[in-house]
Amino acid sequence: MKPKVHRKVQLRTTGLRHAQVQQEIRNFFQAVDSYPARAAKEPDVTFQQHLCSISLGHDNCIGNRTGRH
């Protein structure tokens, strides 16, 4: 019985990880698509900063903690 319980937990964890990976992929493609427009408005923003702002939100990225809001 214990191997079945362990397998259910493992499958659930694998499913959650799959969903996280899928979200990361969507965030990346969204960043690729929207970066040129943002870079035109903010020439100093790097792709990494832009991706972080999409993934975590603008205020949660390290490069954006300058005190300007």
Protein backbone atom coordinates (compact mmCIF):
# COMPACT_ATOMS: atom_id res chain seq x y z
CA MET A 1 0.00 0.00 0.00
CA LYS A 2 2.79 2.47 0.76
CA PRO A 3 4.26 2.38 -2.76
CA LYS A 4 0.87 3.44 -4.16
CA VAL A 5 0.67 6.39 -1.78
CA HIS A 6 4.21 7.43 -2.66
CA ARG A 7 3.38 7.16 -6.37
CA LYS A 8 0.32 9.42 -5.98
CA VAL A 9 2.40 12.08 -4.23
CA GLN A 10 5.10 11.78 -6.89
CA LEU A 11 2.56 12.16 -9.71
CA ARG A 12 0.98 15.19 -8.05
CA THR A 13 4.42 16.80 -7.59
CA THR A 14 5.32 16.03 -11.20
CA GLY A 15 2.04 17.58 -12.37
CA LEU A 16 2.69 20.74 -10.36
CA ARG A 17 6.21 21.02 -11.74
CA HIS A 18 4.87 20.57 -15.27
CA ALA A 19 2.43 23.44 -14.71
CA GLN A 20 5.25 25.64 -13.38
CA VAL A 21 7.42 24.89 -16.39
CA GLN A 22 4.55 25.65 -18.76
CA GLN A 23 4.03 29.02 -17.02
CA GLU A 24 7.74 29.83 -17.28
CA ILE A 25 7.62 29.07 -21.01
CA ARG A 26 4.57 31.32 -21.50
CA ASN A 27 6.29 34.11 -19.54
CA PHE A 28 9.40 33.80 -21.68
CA PHE A 29 7.50 34.00 -24.97
CA GLN A 30 5.46 36.93 -23.67
CA ALA A 31 8.71 38.70 -22.76
CA VAL A 32 10.22 37.99 -26.19
CA ASP A 33 7.10 39.40 -27.83
CA SER A 34 6.82 42.53 -25.69
CA TYR A 35 10.48 43.43 -25.11
CA PRO A 36 11.02 45.53 -28.27
CA ALA A 37 8.21 47.92 -27.34
CA ARG A 38 9.44 48.26 -23.77
CA ALA A 39 13.05 48.72 -24.87
CA ALA A 40 11.93 51.52 -27.18
CA LYS A 41 10.34 53.30 -24.20
CA GLU A 42 13.04 52.34 -21.67
CA PRO A 43 16.37 51.89 -23.50
CA ASP A 44 18.24 50.95 -20.31
CA VAL A 45 16.02 47.96 -19.46
CA THR A 46 17.64 44.59 -20.09
CA PHE A 47 15.78 41.55 -21.33
CA GLN A 48 16.44 39.88 -17.97
CA GLN A 49 14.81 42.79 -16.12
CA HIS A 50 11.87 42.70 -18.50
CA LEU A 51 11.42 38.95 -18.08
CA CYS A 52 11.63 39.32 -14.32
CA SER A 53 8.95 42.01 -14.34
CA ILE A 54 6.65 39.69 -16.27
CA SER A 55 7.40 36.69 -14.09
CA LEU A 56 7.46 38.33 -10.66
CA GLY A 57 5.93 41.74 -11.13
CA HIS A 58 7.75 45.02 -11.61
CA ASP A 59 8.36 45.82 -7.92
CA ASN A 60 9.71 42.36 -7.07
CA CYS A 61 12.70 42.45 -9.43
CA ILE A 62 16.10 43.31 -7.97
CA GLY A 63 16.93 45.84 -10.69
CA ASN A 64 13.73 47.74 -9.94
CA ARG A 65 14.37 48.32 -6.23
CA THR A 66 15.67 51.83 -6.70
CA GLY A 67 13.06 53.58 -4.61
CA ARG A 68 11.29 54.97 -7.67
CA HIS A 69 7.60 53.96 -7.77
